[in-house]
Amino acid sequence: MSNPPSQQPGDLARPAAPPAPSAPSASGPGRPAGGSARRPGDFAPSGPAVSPADLERSGAIINTITGVFHSRVVGQENLRLTLLAALAAGGHVLLESVPGLAKTTAASALASSITGSFARIQCTPDLMPNDIIGTQIFNYGSGTFTTQLGPVHANVVLLDEINRSSAKTQSAMLEAMQERQTSIGGEVYRLPDPFMVLATQNPIEEEGTYVLPEAQMDRFLMKEILTYPRPAEEHEILDRSTAGSLTGPRKAVGTVTLEDVRFLQAMVDQVYVDPAVKRYIIDLVFTTRGSGPRPVPHLTQSVRVGASPRGSLALMRVAQAHALLQGRDYVTPDDVRAMRYGVLRHRLVLTFDALASGIKPEQIIDAVFHAVPMP
């Protein structure tokens, strides 16, 4: 059996071509003897992991949220999948693009499709941590302190232009995003369930901005980079504007309850992941660290820090959510590959040489997925 061609260092500087299916490994957990490729159905459990009735209910919830999204946002199909997968997986999303590509609109559209509470925080350099998590207020009449919770205590929180807030303020979100709680005056306050953070940032303006630390970037389940709409989509935007539906009153086309969201997240937990798929995820993450079954030559010259174990968990969780979005109760390797950019692009720390050469994280990810054989 011949090995797939390795991507040379110089190839990382050029746009990566879509990865071709790699030759399967001859051995490994869940792989059939003889090295023959497994069909998607081979990754299914022996019995249904999710009942047909629960799959139908999950599909109805997803369709309702999709309807609200399409009523407010034109195009941006990758963004819709990212937001839906993150909501179902119970994670947070970082949205990045130039101004005017509906980052804030998409976030508010997702929030409006849920009956829970929504808070929007406009990040500025003078924003303080207490402005986000809350503070204690002294009552002169009673001589006691009362706690006033901040806007982060909501089901969906939009942090607009998060990179405009200082590192001190950004760090205030770490406990909220990871532990789902805040600490005010020595007391711990649990955040609502479900809880989701949608943060936006503008990559082209550097004056008055602060780079997000790697510890906080890793807390985001996914990072989506929005692109310009196609001509037909921009034409529809103009049509909606002249018809008054772009900025007119927003009529709810349907909402889902918080119980529906919790149900959707519980269904993601039940989606079956075959041991071969888990091993595939581990091989991918270890390859980003410079090892793995078939290391990418000279990868360490471009990647300073690979994905952490949180990256493995994110790959599996997002793959489970993607499978549920497709109406399946089991994960295939294609589910792992489907949203690989959103899961890994913010978890790879590139070297200075790679940044100077214009190498994108997506090119590194393609090289890794091309090198690791699919089960």
Protein backbone atom coordinates (compact mmCIF):
# COMPACT_ATOMS: atom_id res chain seq x y z
CA MET A 1 0.00 0.00 0.00
CA SER A 2 1.46 3.35 -0.99
CA ASN A 3 1.45 6.34 1.29
CA PRO A 4 -0.39 9.51 0.25
CA PRO A 5 1.93 12.21 -1.02
CA SER A 6 3.16 14.48 1.76
CA GLN A 7 2.77 18.22 1.43
CA GLN A 8 6.15 19.95 1.33
CA PRO A 9 6.83 23.18 3.24
CA GLY A 10 6.74 25.24 0.09
CA ASP A 11 3.28 23.93 -0.67
CA LEU A 12 1.93 25.57 2.49
CA ALA A 13 2.65 28.99 1.01
CA ARG A 14 0.33 28.27 -1.91
CA PRO A 15 -3.44 27.94 -1.69
CA ALA A 16 -4.21 24.39 -0.69
CA ALA A 17 -6.23 22.29 -3.07
CA PRO A 18 -9.22 20.37 -1.73
CA PRO A 19 -7.78 17.32 0.02
CA ALA A 20 -8.23 14.05 -1.80
CA PRO A 21 -9.45 11.03 0.15
CA SER A 22 -6.46 9.44 1.80
CA ALA A 23 -5.63 5.77 1.60
CA PRO A 24 -7.05 3.89 4.56
CA SER A 25 -4.78 2.45 7.18
CA ALA A 26 -4.27 -1.28 7.20
CA SER A 27 -4.83 -1.55 10.90
CA GLY A 28 -6.30 0.37 13.79
CA PRO A 29 -9.38 0.44 16.00
CA GLY A 30 -12.55 -0.15 14.04
CA ARG A 31 -10.79 -0.67 10.70
CA PRO A 32 -11.56 -3.86 8.83
CA ALA A 33 -8.83 -6.33 8.07
CA GLY A 34 -7.12 -5.88 4.74
CA GLY A 35 -7.28 -2.05 4.87
CA SER A 36 -10.47 -1.66 2.83
CA ALA A 37 -12.32 1.63 3.32
CA ARG A 38 -15.43 1.56 5.46
CA ARG A 39 -18.77 2.78 4.16
CA PRO A 40 -20.58 5.57 6.08
CA GLY A 41 -23.14 3.07 7.36
CA ASP A 42 -20.39 1.01 8.97
CA PHE A 43 -19.99 3.70 11.65
CA ALA A 44 -23.59 3.32 12.85
CA PRO A 45 -24.31 1.63 16.19
CA SER A 46 -25.93 -1.80 16.37
CA GLY A 47 -29.14 -0.18 17.60
CA PRO A 48 -30.64 3.32 17.24
CA ALA A 49 -28.75 5.84 19.37
CA VAL A 50 -31.57 8.37 18.98
CA SER A 51 -35.19 7.35 18.47
CA PRO A 52 -36.91 8.37 15.20
CA ALA A 53 -39.35 10.55 17.15
CA ASP A 54 -36.49 12.47 18.80
CA LEU A 55 -34.75 12.87 15.43
CA GLU A 56 -37.96 14.30 14.00
CA ARG A 57 -38.32 16.73 16.88
CA SER A 58 -34.69 17.80 16.51
CA GLY A 59 -35.26 18.42 12.80
CA ALA A 60 -38.29 20.57 13.55
CA ILE A 61 -36.31 22.70 16.00
CA ILE A 62 -33.48 23.13 13.49
CA ASN A 63 -35.92 24.10 10.72
CA THR A 64 -37.54 26.73 12.94
CA ILE A 65 -34.21 28.37 13.77
CA THR A 66 -33.21 28.18 10.09
CA GLY A 67 -36.42 29.96 9.10
CA VAL A 68 -35.72 32.83 11.51
CA PHE A 69 -32.13 33.09 10.28
CA HIS A 70 -33.14 33.26 6.61
CA SER A 71 -35.75 35.90 7.38
CA ARG A 72 -33.03 38.22 8.70
CA VAL A 73 -29.84 37.20 6.87
CA VAL A 74 -29.26 36.72 3.15
CA GLY A 75 -26.92 33.89 2.18
CA GLN A 76 -24.10 33.09 4.64
CA GLU A 77 -24.87 29.35 4.67
CA ASN A 78 -21.60 28.49 6.43
CA LEU A 79 -22.48 30.99 9.16
CA ARG A 80 -25.90 29.39 9.62
CA LEU A 81 -24.37 25.93 9.99
CA THR A 82 -21.77 27.25 12.43
CA LEU A 83 -24.33 28.95 14.65
CA LEU A 84 -26.65 25.94 14.61
CA ALA A 85 -23.84 23.49 15.36
CA ALA A 86 -22.51 25.65 18.19
CA LEU A 87 -25.98 26.06 19.69
CA ALA A 88 -26.62 22.31 19.54
CA ALA A 89 -23.17 21.56 20.95
CA GLY A 90 -23.51 24.12 23.74
CA GLY A 91 -20.44 26.12 22.70
CA HIS A 92 -19.46 29.69 21.92
CA VAL A 93 -18.69 31.28 18.53
CA LEU A 94 -16.25 33.97 17.43
CA LEU A 95 -17.29 35.77 14.24
CA GLU A 96 -14.71 37.68 12.24
CA SER A 97 -15.11 39.78 9.10
CA VAL A 98 -14.87 43.26 7.71
CA PRO A 99 -17.74 45.60 8.65
CA GLY A 100 -21.13 45.16 7.04
CA LEU A 101 -21.31 41.39 6.58
CA ALA A 102 -24.18 40.80 9.05
CA LYS A 103 -22.20 39.53 12.03
CA THR A 104 -24.35 41.37 14.56
CA THR A 105 -27.52 40.74 12.55
CA ALA A 106 -26.87 37.00 12.46
CA ALA A 107 -26.20 36.90 16.20
CA SER A 108 -29.39 38.80 17.02
CA ALA A 109 -31.33 36.60 14.56
CA LEU A 110 -30.21 33.48 16.42
CA ALA A 111 -31.14 35.09 19.72
CA SER A 112 -34.57 36.14 18.44
CA SER A 113 -35.35 32.54 17.47
CA ILE A 114 -35.03 31.52 21.13
CA THR A 115 -37.51 32.60 23.78
CA GLY A 116 -34.75 33.11 26.38
CA SER A 117 -33.04 36.33 27.43
CA PHE A 118 -30.62 38.21 25.18
CA ALA A 119 -27.98 40.80 26.07
CA ARG A 120 -25.78 42.86 23.77
CA ILE A 121 -22.52 44.28 25.12
CA GLN A 122 -20.72 46.88 23.05
CA CYS A 123 -17.04 46.46 23.90
CA THR A 124 -14.96 49.63 24.25
CA PRO A 125 -11.48 50.31 25.71
CA ASP A 126 -13.00 51.78 28.88
CA LEU A 127 -15.34 48.84 29.50
CA MET A 128 -14.66 47.33 32.94
CA PRO A 129 -15.17 43.72 34.12
CA ASN A 130 -17.90 44.82 36.53
CA ASP A 131 -19.82 46.25 33.57
CA ILE A 132 -20.08 42.69 32.23
CA ILE A 133 -20.38 40.32 35.18
CA GLY A 134 -22.05 42.65 37.70
CA THR A 135 -21.11 44.40 40.94
CA GLN A 136 -22.10 44.99 44.55
CA ILE A 137 -23.95 48.18 45.42
CA PHE A 138 -23.94 49.64 48.94
CA ASN A 139 -27.33 50.56 50.36
CA TYR A 140 -26.86 53.50 52.71
CA GLY A 141 -30.32 53.04 54.20
CA SER A 142 -29.78 49.47 55.36
CA GLY A 143 -26.00 49.56 55.52
CA THR A 144 -25.73 46.38 53.44
CA PHE A 145 -24.47 45.41 50.01
CA THR A 146 -26.79 44.17 47.30
CA THR A 147 -25.61 42.35 44.19
CA GLN A 148 -26.62 43.59 40.76
CA LEU A 149 -25.96 41.00 38.06
CA GLY A 150 -24.41 42.16 34.80
CA PRO A 151 -25.62 41.59 31.24
CA VAL A 152 -23.60 38.37 30.91
CA HIS A 153 -26.36 36.68 32.92
CA ALA A 154 -28.46 35.96 29.84
CA ASN A 155 -29.10 32.93 27.63
CA VAL A 156 -27.49 34.50 24.56
CA VAL A 157 -24.81 37.17 24.99
CA LEU A 158 -23.48 39.19 22.06
CA LEU A 159 -20.04 40.71 22.64
CA ASP A 160 -19.78 43.19 19.81
CA GLU A 161 -16.20 44.03 18.74
CA ILE A 162 -14.67 42.01 21.56
CA ASN A 163 -11.14 42.97 20.53
CA ARG A 164 -11.86 46.61 21.47
CA SER A 165 -12.05 45.71 25.16
CA SER A 166 -8.91 45.53 27.29
CA ALA A 167 -7.25 42.28 28.33
CA LYS A 168 -8.54 42.81 31.87
CA THR A 169 -12.12 42.94 30.62
CA GLN A 170 -11.64 40.04 28.22
CA SER A 171 -10.38 37.89 31.07
CA ALA A 172 -13.63 38.52 32.95
CA MET A 173 -15.35 36.35 30.34
CA LEU A 174 -13.09 33.32 30.88
CA GLU A 175 -14.89 32.08 33.98
CA ALA A 176 -18.28 32.73 32.41
CA MET A 177 -17.47 30.91 29.16
CA GLN A 178 -15.74 27.90 30.73
CA GLU A 179 -17.35 27.43 34.15
CA ARG A 180 -20.76 28.90 33.31
CA GLN A 181 -20.65 31.03 36.44
CA THR A 182 -19.47 34.41 37.72
CA SER A 183 -17.91 35.41 41.05
CA ILE A 184 -19.08 38.69 42.59
CA GLY A 185 -18.02 39.70 46.09
CA GLY A 186 -16.96 36.19 46.98
CA GLU A 187 -20.30 34.72 45.93
CA VAL A 188 -20.74 32.39 42.95
CA TYR A 189 -23.69 33.01 40.63
CA ARG A 190 -24.64 30.37 38.07
CA LEU A 191 -25.37 31.52 34.54
CA PRO A 192 -28.65 30.60 32.84
CA ASP A 193 -28.96 27.30 31.03
CA PRO A 194 -28.52 27.28 28.08
CA PHE A 195 -25.77 29.90 27.85
CA MET A 196 -24.04 30.96 24.64
CA VAL A 197 -21.58 33.73 23.80
CA LEU A 198 -21.42 35.20 20.31
CA ALA A 199 -18.43 37.51 19.90
CA THR A 200 -17.56 39.60 16.85
CA GLN A 201 -14.32 41.25 15.83
CA ASN A 202 -13.07 43.35 12.94
CA PRO A 203 -9.65 42.19 11.68
CA ILE A 204 -8.75 45.26 9.61
CA GLU A 205 -8.76 47.97 12.29
CA GLU A 206 -5.83 47.75 14.69
CA GLU A 207 -6.00 51.16 16.38
CA GLY A 208 -7.61 50.90 19.81
CA THR A 209 -7.86 47.10 19.71
CA TYR A 210 -6.38 44.34 21.86
CA VAL A 211 -5.42 40.90 20.55
CA LEU A 212 -7.42 38.13 22.18
CA PRO A 213 -5.19 35.90 24.34
CA GLU A 214 -4.79 32.29 23.29
CA ALA A 215 -6.47 31.09 26.50
CA GLN A 216 -9.65 32.92 25.57
CA MET A 217 -9.51 31.96 21.90
CA ASP A 218 -9.44 28.32 22.99
CA ARG A 219 -12.70 28.83 24.91
CA PHE A 220 -14.56 29.46 21.67
CA LEU A 221 -15.88 26.23 20.22
CA MET A 222 -15.69 27.65 16.69
CA LYS A 223 -14.38 30.65 14.81
CA GLU A 224 -16.17 31.59 11.60
CA ILE A 225 -14.72 34.02 9.05
CA LEU A 226 -17.44 35.61 6.96
CA THR A 227 -16.95 36.30 3.27
CA TYR A 228 -18.59 38.74 0.88
CA PRO A 229 -21.98 37.70 -0.53
CA ARG A 230 -22.33 36.51 -4.11
CA PRO A 231 -23.86 38.90 -6.70
CA ALA A 232 -27.28 37.22 -6.55
CA GLU A 233 -27.30 37.42 -2.76
CA GLU A 234 -26.30 41.08 -2.76
CA HIS A 235 -29.07 41.70 -5.29
CA GLU A 236 -31.54 40.17 -2.84
CA ILE A 237 -30.19 42.45 -0.12
CA LEU A 238 -30.96 45.46 -2.33
CA ASP A 239 -34.42 44.06 -3.09
CA ARG A 240 -35.17 43.64 0.60
CA SER A 241 -33.95 47.17 1.24
CA THR A 242 -36.23 48.73 -1.40
CA ALA A 243 -39.14 46.61 -0.14
CA GLY A 244 -38.57 47.86 3.40
CA SER A 245 -38.07 44.37 4.81
CA LEU A 246 -34.36 44.83 5.50
CA THR A 247 -34.75 47.45 8.23
CA GLY A 248 -38.50 47.27 8.78
CA PRO A 249 -40.29 45.75 11.76
CA ARG A 250 -39.06 42.26 12.47
CA LYS A 251 -41.90 39.81 12.72
CA ALA A 252 -41.18 36.52 14.42
CA VAL A 253 -41.54 33.63 11.99
CA GLY A 254 -41.26 31.13 14.82
CA THR A 255 -39.43 30.58 18.06
CA VAL A 256 -38.13 27.65 20.04
CA THR A 257 -38.23 27.41 23.81
CA LEU A 258 -35.30 26.98 26.14
CA GLU A 259 -36.53 23.45 26.77
CA ASP A 260 -36.23 22.80 23.02
CA VAL A 261 -32.61 24.01 23.07
CA ARG A 262 -31.80 21.83 26.06
CA PHE A 263 -33.43 18.91 24.27
CA LEU A 264 -31.32 19.57 21.17
CA GLN A 265 -28.14 19.61 23.24
CA ALA A 266 -29.15 16.38 24.98
CA MET A 267 -29.65 14.74 21.59
CA VAL A 268 -26.12 15.74 20.57
CA ASP A 269 -24.85 13.91 23.65
CA GLN A 270 -26.56 10.74 22.44
CA VAL A 271 -25.15 10.81 18.89
CA TYR A 272 -22.94 7.73 18.56
CA VAL A 273 -19.21 8.11 17.87
CA ASP A 274 -17.45 4.96 16.65
CA PRO A 275 -14.03 4.15 18.19
CA ALA A 276 -12.49 4.43 14.71
CA VAL A 277 -13.80 8.00 14.40
CA LYS A 278 -12.44 8.88 17.84
CA ARG A 279 -9.05 7.50 16.81
CA TYR A 280 -9.25 9.57 13.61
CA ILE A 281 -9.84 12.72 15.67
CA ILE A 282 -6.90 11.90 17.96
CA ASP A 283 -4.61 11.30 14.96
CA LEU A 284 -5.62 14.65 13.47
CA VAL A 285 -4.98 16.60 16.66
CA PHE A 286 -1.66 14.87 17.30
CA THR A 287 -0.60 15.68 13.73
CA THR A 288 -1.14 19.40 14.42
CA ARG A 289 1.38 18.99 17.25
CA GLY A 290 4.03 17.60 14.90
CA SER A 291 3.51 13.89 15.57
CA GLY A 292 0.65 11.57 14.64
CA PRO A 293 0.64 8.43 12.45
CA ARG A 294 1.95 10.28 9.39
CA PRO A 295 3.45 13.62 10.45
CA VAL A 296 3.43 16.48 7.95
CA PRO A 297 7.09 17.19 7.04
CA HIS A 298 8.46 20.45 8.47
CA LEU A 299 5.10 21.32 10.06
CA THR A 300 6.85 22.66 13.16
CA GLN A 301 8.41 25.37 10.98
CA SER A 302 4.90 26.78 10.45
CA VAL A 303 3.03 25.80 13.62
CA ARG A 304 4.38 26.90 16.99
CA VAL A 305 1.56 25.42 19.11
CA GLY A 306 -0.87 22.75 17.92
CA ALA A 307 -4.41 22.03 19.07
CA SER A 308 -4.97 21.18 22.73
CA PRO A 309 -7.16 18.36 24.10
CA ARG A 310 -9.95 20.91 24.03
CA GLY A 311 -9.52 20.80 20.26
CA SER A 312 -10.14 17.03 20.27
CA LEU A 313 -13.29 17.53 22.33
CA ALA A 314 -14.44 20.32 20.01
CA LEU A 315 -13.88 18.22 16.87
CA MET A 316 -15.95 15.37 18.30
CA ARG A 317 -18.68 17.61 19.71
CA VAL A 318 -19.09 19.60 16.49
CA ALA A 319 -19.07 16.37 14.46
CA GLN A 320 -21.89 15.06 16.66
CA ALA A 321 -23.84 18.28 16.16
CA HIS A 322 -23.24 18.20 12.40
CA ALA A 323 -24.48 14.61 12.21
CA LEU A 324 -27.66 15.61 14.06
CA LEU A 325 -28.15 18.54 11.67
CA GLN A 326 -28.01 16.01 8.84
CA GLY A 327 -30.64 13.84 10.54
CA ARG A 328 -28.24 11.06 11.61
CA ASP A 329 -27.64 9.55 15.04
CA TYR A 330 -24.02 8.57 14.36
CA VAL A 331 -20.83 10.36 13.30
CA THR A 332 -18.86 9.64 10.13
CA PRO A 333 -15.38 10.93 9.21
CA ASP A 334 -17.09 13.34 6.80
CA ASP A 335 -18.77 15.01 9.80
CA VAL A 336 -15.33 15.56 11.32
CA ARG A 337 -14.08 17.10 8.08
CA ALA A 338 -17.18 19.20 7.37
CA MET A 339 -16.47 22.00 9.88
CA ARG A 340 -12.74 21.50 10.42
CA TYR A 341 -11.80 25.10 9.65
CA GLY A 342 -14.19 26.59 12.20
CA VAL A 343 -12.98 24.22 14.92
CA LEU A 344 -9.21 24.39 14.36
CA ARG A 345 -8.30 27.70 12.70
CA HIS A 346 -8.12 29.60 16.00
CA ARG A 347 -6.39 26.78 17.90
CA LEU A 348 -3.18 26.77 15.81
CA VAL A 349 -0.51 29.28 16.76
CA LEU A 350 1.60 29.97 13.68
CA THR A 351 5.28 30.85 13.75
CA PHE A 352 6.59 34.23 12.67
CA ASP A 353 7.99 32.69 9.48
CA ALA A 354 4.59 31.30 8.56
CA LEU A 355 2.90 34.64 9.20
CA ALA A 356 5.56 36.47 7.19
CA SER A 357 5.10 34.00 4.31
CA GLY A 358 1.34 34.57 4.29
CA ILE A 359 0.48 30.98 5.23
CA LYS A 360 -3.11 30.68 6.40
CA PRO A 361 -4.30 28.32 9.14
CA GLU A 362 -6.67 26.76 6.61
CA GLN A 363 -3.69 25.62 4.52
CA ILE A 364 -2.15 23.94 7.56
CA ILE A 365 -5.46 22.25 8.36
CA ASP A 366 -5.78 20.96 4.79
CA ALA A 367 -2.25 19.56 4.95
CA VAL A 368 -3.04 17.78 8.22
CA PHE A 369 -6.29 16.27 6.95
CA HIS A 370 -4.58 15.22 3.74
CA ALA A 371 -1.83 13.41 5.66
CA VAL A 372 -4.03 11.52 8.14
CA PRO A 373 -5.77 8.50 6.56
CA MET A 374 -9.53 8.29 6.96
CA PRO A 375 -10.89 5.16 8.65
